[in-house]
Amino acid sequence: MTHDFAKLHSTVNSSSIPGWVWFLTGLVAGIFVSFLVYLWKFVPSDPQTAEFSIQPKAEPDQIVEEMRFDFYDLFPKSEVPIVDGYNSESFRVDAGSPFDYLLQAGSFRHPDDADRLRAELILLGMEVFVKEIRIDKDTWYRVMVGPLHTDLDLNRAQDKLAEADIESLPLKVPQL
């Protein structure tokens, strides 16, 4: 038996509920479920073993002692003398030390790359030179900062390079 499906019309009920009612119902249901989940976080899982924190009230007969700090007495006793002037020679670790420091800021195969870093370091106000090194058949161009005569100068130069995101390698060399 053949059946003609083209003539079947879907009956649309014109008295259906408007879309805004469905939206509002879904919104209220979502808020309600969210509220239940929120409350569920605060309910203990086992009500028999649940401990409720009760704040004890202070009894009026208890006397609270104040803490005593000793730093008021300690600071005047430990005064540090102020040095009138700092010179670079006062920071030398060993005054008779025959060593200086150099900072290697980079090592490149192409001299253009080394010159680019050298120019960047000169703009930072550092004393920079490029040293050409031959290892086997390769030529390397090392960008060197210095010479730095004291530990203070070395630390300042390393800090300045670190602020510019440039890694450096300190080298101890005979005094130049």
C-alpha atoms as a PDB file:
ATOM      1  CA  MET A   1       0.000   0.000   0.000  1.00  0.00           C
ATOM      2  CA  THR A   2       1.436   3.278  -1.063  1.00  0.00           C
ATOM      3  CA  HIS A   3       1.240   6.352   1.023  1.00  0.00           C
ATOM      4  CA  ASP A   4       1.627   9.949  -0.110  1.00  0.00           C
ATOM      5  CA  PHE A   5       3.767  11.751   2.444  1.00  0.00           C
ATOM      6  CA  ALA A   6       3.681  15.087   0.623  1.00  0.00           C
ATOM      7  CA  LYS A   7       0.143  15.727   1.669  1.00  0.00           C
ATOM      8  CA  LEU A   8       0.879  15.298   5.353  1.00  0.00           C
ATOM      9  CA  HIS A   9       1.022  18.703   6.936  1.00  0.00           C
ATOM     10  CA  SER A  10       2.518  19.261  10.304  1.00  0.00           C
ATOM     11  CA  THR A  11       0.037  20.848  12.518  1.00  0.00           C
ATOM     12  CA  VAL A  12       1.457  23.851  14.281  1.00  0.00           C
ATOM     13  CA  ASN A  13      -0.393  24.774  17.357  1.00  0.00           C
ATOM     14  CA  SER A  14      -0.998  28.494  17.202  1.00  0.00           C
ATOM     15  CA  SER A  15      -1.703  28.616  20.908  1.00  0.00           C
ATOM     16  CA  SER A  16       1.884  27.642  21.817  1.00  0.00           C
ATOM     17  CA  ILE A  17       3.747  29.418  24.598  1.00  0.00           C
ATOM     18  CA  PRO A  18       5.685  32.513  23.459  1.00  0.00           C
ATOM     19  CA  GLY A  19       9.504  32.381  23.312  1.00  0.00           C
ATOM     20  CA  TRP A  20      10.082  34.975  26.009  1.00  0.00           C
ATOM     21  CA  VAL A  21       8.271  32.784  28.530  1.00  0.00           C
ATOM     22  CA  TRP A  22      10.593  29.881  27.747  1.00  0.00           C
ATOM     23  CA  PHE A  23      13.588  32.201  28.073  1.00  0.00           C
ATOM     24  CA  LEU A  24      12.420  33.533  31.420  1.00  0.00           C
ATOM     25  CA  THR A  25      11.682  30.016  32.711  1.00  0.00           C
ATOM     26  CA  GLY A  26      15.164  28.834  31.725  1.00  0.00           C
ATOM     27  CA  LEU A  27      16.784  31.877  33.301  1.00  0.00           C
ATOM     28  CA  VAL A  28      14.972  31.390  36.614  1.00  0.00           C
ATOM     29  CA  ALA A  29      15.776  27.661  36.614  1.00  0.00           C
ATOM     30  CA  GLY A  30      19.456  28.383  35.934  1.00  0.00           C
ATOM     31  CA  ILE A  31      19.661  30.932  38.734  1.00  0.00           C
ATOM     32  CA  PHE A  32      17.950  28.492  41.121  1.00  0.00           C
ATOM     33  CA  VAL A  33      20.366  25.671  40.260  1.00  0.00           C
ATOM     34  CA  SER A  34      23.335  28.035  40.671  1.00  0.00           C
ATOM     35  CA  PHE A  35      22.017  29.079  44.079  1.00  0.00           C
ATOM     36  CA  LEU A  36      21.697  25.426  45.152  1.00  0.00           C
ATOM     37  CA  VAL A  37      25.284  24.713  44.059  1.00  0.00           C
ATOM     38  CA  TYR A  38      26.429  27.797  45.979  1.00  0.00           C
ATOM     39  CA  LEU A  39      24.679  26.598  49.130  1.00  0.00           C
ATOM     40  CA  TRP A  40      25.981  23.065  48.650  1.00  0.00           C
ATOM     41  CA  LYS A  41      29.580  24.319  49.055  1.00  0.00           C
ATOM     42  CA  PHE A  42      28.858  25.570  52.574  1.00  0.00           C
ATOM     43  CA  VAL A  43      26.998  22.524  53.909  1.00  0.00           C
ATOM     44  CA  PRO A  44      29.292  19.979  55.599  1.00  0.00           C
ATOM     45  CA  SER A  45      29.344  16.562  53.965  1.00  0.00           C
ATOM     46  CA  ASP A  46      28.782  14.728  57.266  1.00  0.00           C
ATOM     47  CA  PRO A  47      26.544  16.706  59.630  1.00  0.00           C
ATOM     48  CA  GLN A  48      27.362  14.465  62.619  1.00  0.00           C
ATOM     49  CA  THR A  49      31.104  15.224  62.500  1.00  0.00           C
ATOM     50  CA  ALA A  50      30.744  18.841  61.476  1.00  0.00           C
ATOM     51  CA  GLU A  51      32.452  21.262  63.783  1.00  0.00           C
ATOM     52  CA  PHE A  52      31.141  24.739  64.109  1.00  0.00           C
ATOM     53  CA  SER A  53      33.619  27.318  65.253  1.00  0.00           C
ATOM     54  CA  ILE A  54      32.401  29.239  68.232  1.00  0.00           C
ATOM     55  CA  GLN A  55      34.473  32.217  69.196  1.00  0.00           C
ATOM     56  CA  PRO A  56      35.219  32.202  72.921  1.00  0.00           C
ATOM     57  CA  LYS A  57      34.498  35.438  74.676  1.00  0.00           C
ATOM     58  CA  ALA A  58      37.262  36.993  76.700  1.00  0.00           C
ATOM     59  CA  GLU A  59      36.662  36.914  80.398  1.00  0.00           C
ATOM     60  CA  PRO A  60      37.008  40.269  82.079  1.00  0.00           C
ATOM     61  CA  ASP A  61      39.304  38.915  84.803  1.00  0.00           C
ATOM     62  CA  GLN A  62      41.990  37.910  82.267  1.00  0.00           C
ATOM     63  CA  ILE A  63      44.693  40.530  81.901  1.00  0.00           C
ATOM     64  CA  VAL A  64      46.345  40.814  78.511  1.00  0.00           C
ATOM     65  CA  GLU A  65      50.013  41.701  78.726  1.00  0.00           C
ATOM     66  CA  GLU A  66      51.443  44.009  76.112  1.00  0.00           C
ATOM     67  CA  MET A  67      54.338  42.754  74.064  1.00  0.00           C
ATOM     68  CA  ARG A  68      57.629  44.454  74.730  1.00  0.00           C
ATOM     69  CA  PHE A  69      59.871  45.211  71.796  1.00  0.00           C
ATOM     70  CA  ASP A  70      63.590  45.625  72.301  1.00  0.00           C
ATOM     71  CA  PHE A  71      64.469  47.292  69.016  1.00  0.00           C
ATOM     72  CA  TYR A  72      64.066  50.712  70.597  1.00  0.00           C
ATOM     73  CA  ASP A  73      67.037  49.855  72.782  1.00  0.00           C
ATOM     74  CA  LEU A  74      69.014  47.911  70.167  1.00  0.00           C
ATOM     75  CA  PHE A  75      69.108  50.445  67.351  1.00  0.00           C
ATOM     76  CA  PRO A  76      70.931  53.268  69.147  1.00  0.00           C
ATOM     77  CA  LYS A  77      73.586  50.794  70.312  1.00  0.00           C
ATOM     78  CA  SER A  78      74.306  49.499  66.800  1.00  0.00           C
ATOM     79  CA  GLU A  79      75.080  52.671  64.911  1.00  0.00           C
ATOM     80  CA  VAL A  80      76.953  52.394  61.650  1.00  0.00           C
ATOM     81  CA  PRO A  81      79.451  55.161  60.936  1.00  0.00           C
ATOM     82  CA  ILE A  82      78.862  57.100  57.724  1.00  0.00           C
ATOM     83  CA  VAL A  83      81.780  57.235  55.320  1.00  0.00           C
ATOM     84  CA  ASP A  84      82.305  60.744  53.965  1.00  0.00           C
ATOM     85  CA  GLY A  85      83.302  59.715  50.492  1.00  0.00           C
ATOM     86  CA  TYR A  86      83.405  56.558  48.475  1.00  0.00           C
ATOM     87  CA  ASN A  87      86.111  56.130  45.924  1.00  0.00           C
ATOM     88  CA  SER A  88      86.507  53.177  43.619  1.00  0.00           C
ATOM     89  CA  GLU A  89      89.758  52.156  45.289  1.00  0.00           C
ATOM     90  CA  SER A  90      87.997  51.541  48.617  1.00  0.00           C
ATOM     91  CA  PHE A  91      85.920  48.769  47.044  1.00  0.00           C
ATOM     92  CA  ARG A  92      88.824  46.783  45.646  1.00  0.00           C
ATOM     93  CA  VAL A  93      88.884  43.353  47.244  1.00  0.00           C
ATOM     94  CA  ASP A  94      92.628  43.139  47.302  1.00  0.00           C
ATOM     95  CA  ALA A  95      94.441  46.431  46.786  1.00  0.00           C
ATOM     96  CA  GLY A  96      97.485  44.608  45.426  1.00  0.00           C
ATOM     97  CA  SER A  97      95.423  42.390  43.143  1.00  0.00           C
ATOM     98  CA  PRO A  98      96.913  42.166  39.653  1.00  0.00           C
ATOM     99  CA  PHE A  99      93.526  41.291  38.131  1.00  0.00           C
ATOM    100  CA  ASP A 100      90.788  43.197  36.325  1.00  0.00           C
ATOM    101  CA  TYR A 101      87.437  41.987  35.084  1.00  0.00           C
ATOM    102  CA  LEU A 102      85.894  41.812  31.629  1.00  0.00           C
ATOM    103  CA  LEU A 103      82.294  40.956  30.857  1.00  0.00           C
ATOM    104  CA  GLN A 104      81.598  38.934  27.735  1.00  0.00           C
ATOM    105  CA  ALA A 105      78.209  40.128  26.534  1.00  0.00           C
ATOM    106  CA  GLY A 106      78.059  37.976  23.414  1.00  0.00           C
ATOM    107  CA  SER A 107      79.975  35.854  20.904  1.00  0.00           C
ATOM    108  CA  PHE A 108      79.060  35.863  17.219  1.00  0.00           C
ATOM    109  CA  ARG A 109      80.244  34.297  13.975  1.00  0.00           C
ATOM    110  CA  HIS A 110      79.486  37.418  11.930  1.00  0.00           C
ATOM    111  CA  PRO A 111      81.102  40.782  12.705  1.00  0.00           C
ATOM    112  CA  ASP A 112      77.871  42.647  11.857  1.00  0.00           C
ATOM    113  CA  ASP A 113      76.061  40.944  14.750  1.00  0.00           C
ATOM    114  CA  ALA A 114      78.895  41.812  17.117  1.00  0.00           C
ATOM    115  CA  ASP A 115      78.881  45.446  15.968  1.00  0.00           C
ATOM    116  CA  ARG A 116      75.121  45.638  16.473  1.00  0.00           C
ATOM    117  CA  LEU A 117      75.441  44.508  20.118  1.00  0.00           C
ATOM    118  CA  ARG A 118      78.465  46.770  20.595  1.00  0.00           C
ATOM    119  CA  ALA A 119      76.439  49.777  19.406  1.00  0.00           C
ATOM    120  CA  GLU A 120      73.592  48.871  21.769  1.00  0.00           C
ATOM    121  CA  LEU A 121      75.997  48.685  24.714  1.00  0.00           C
ATOM    122  CA  ILE A 122      77.657  51.968  23.785  1.00  0.00           C
ATOM    123  CA  LEU A 123      74.214  53.581  23.901  1.00  0.00           C
ATOM    124  CA  LEU A 124      73.902  52.218  27.453  1.00  0.00           C
ATOM    125  CA  GLY A 125      77.060  54.153  28.335  1.00  0.00           C
ATOM    126  CA  MET A 126      79.431  51.222  28.659  1.00  0.00           C
ATOM    127  CA  GLU A 127      83.015  50.849  27.520  1.00  0.00           C
ATOM    128  CA  VAL A 128      82.844  48.103  24.873  1.00  0.00           C
ATOM    129  CA  PHE A 129      85.189  46.497  22.368  1.00  0.00           C
ATOM    130  CA  VAL A 130      85.023  43.540  19.970  1.00  0.00           C
ATOM    131  CA  LYS A 131      87.718  40.887  20.182  1.00  0.00           C
ATOM    132  CA  GLU A 132      88.347  38.570  17.233  1.00  0.00           C
ATOM    133  CA  ILE A 133      89.164  34.971  18.247  1.00  0.00           C
ATOM    134  CA  ARG A 134      90.168  32.100  15.962  1.00  0.00           C
ATOM    135  CA  ILE A 135      89.239  28.605  17.118  1.00  0.00           C
ATOM    136  CA  ASP A 136      90.349  25.891  14.723  1.00  0.00           C
ATOM    137  CA  LYS A 137      89.197  27.255  11.355  1.00  0.00           C
ATOM    138  CA  ASP A 138      86.307  29.327  12.741  1.00  0.00           C
ATOM    139  CA  THR A 139      86.437  33.018  13.568  1.00  0.00           C
ATOM    140  CA  TRP A 140      84.365  34.290  16.493  1.00  0.00           C
ATOM    141  CA  TYR A 141      83.714  37.905  17.394  1.00  0.00           C
ATOM    142  CA  ARG A 142      83.338  38.424  21.138  1.00  0.00           C
ATOM    143  CA  VAL A 143      81.728  41.573  22.523  1.00  0.00           C
ATOM    144  CA  MET A 144      83.587  42.522  25.710  1.00  0.00           C
ATOM    145  CA  VAL A 145      82.691  45.157  28.330  1.00  0.00           C
ATOM    146  CA  GLY A 146      85.486  46.613  30.381  1.00  0.00           C
ATOM    147  CA  PRO A 147      88.070  46.574  31.763  1.00  0.00           C
ATOM    148  CA  LEU A 148      86.412  46.813  35.178  1.00  0.00           C
ATOM    149  CA  HIS A 149      88.837  47.436  38.026  1.00  0.00           C
ATOM    150  CA  THR A 150      86.694  46.798  41.110  1.00  0.00           C
ATOM    151  CA  ASP A 151      83.996  44.419  42.229  1.00  0.00           C
ATOM    152  CA  LEU A 152      81.619  47.363  42.529  1.00  0.00           C
ATOM    153  CA  ASP A 153      82.193  48.298  38.880  1.00  0.00           C
ATOM    154  CA  LEU A 154      81.671  44.669  37.897  1.00  0.00           C
ATOM    155  CA  ASN A 155      78.370  44.436  39.793  1.00  0.00           C
ATOM    156  CA  ARG A 156      77.110  47.721  38.358  1.00  0.00           C
ATOM    157  CA  ALA A 157      77.940  46.633  34.809  1.00  0.00           C
ATOM    158  CA  GLN A 158      76.252  43.253  35.325  1.00  0.00           C
ATOM    159  CA  ASP A 159      73.142  44.986  36.699  1.00  0.00           C
ATOM    160  CA  LYS A 160      73.011  47.353  33.734  1.00  0.00           C
ATOM    161  CA  LEU A 161      73.316  44.445  31.301  1.00  0.00           C
ATOM    162  CA  ALA A 162      70.658  42.457  33.156  1.00  0.00           C
ATOM    163  CA  GLU A 163      68.248  45.413  32.938  1.00  0.00           C
ATOM    164  CA  ALA A 164      68.776  45.382  29.158  1.00  0.00           C
ATOM    165  CA  ASP A 165      68.093  41.586  29.082  1.00  0.00           C
ATOM    166  CA  ILE A 166      71.647  40.795  28.036  1.00  0.00           C
ATOM    167  CA  GLU A 167      73.355  37.852  29.678  1.00  0.00           C
ATOM    168  CA  SER A 168      76.985  38.365  30.597  1.00  0.00           C
ATOM    169  CA  LEU A 169      79.902  36.194  31.553  1.00  0.00           C
ATOM    170  CA  PRO A 170      82.480  37.684  33.952  1.00  0.00           C
ATOM    171  CA  LEU A 171      86.108  36.947  33.127  1.00  0.00           C
ATOM    172  CA  LYS A 172      89.052  37.581  35.417  1.00  0.00           C
ATOM    173  CA  VAL A 173      92.038  38.773  33.378  1.00  0.00           C
ATOM    174  CA  PRO A 174      95.505  40.044  34.253  1.00  0.00           C
ATOM    175  CA  GLN A 175      95.510  43.769  34.951  1.00  0.00           C
ATOM    176  CA  LEU A 176      95.464  45.776  31.727  1.00  0.00           C
END
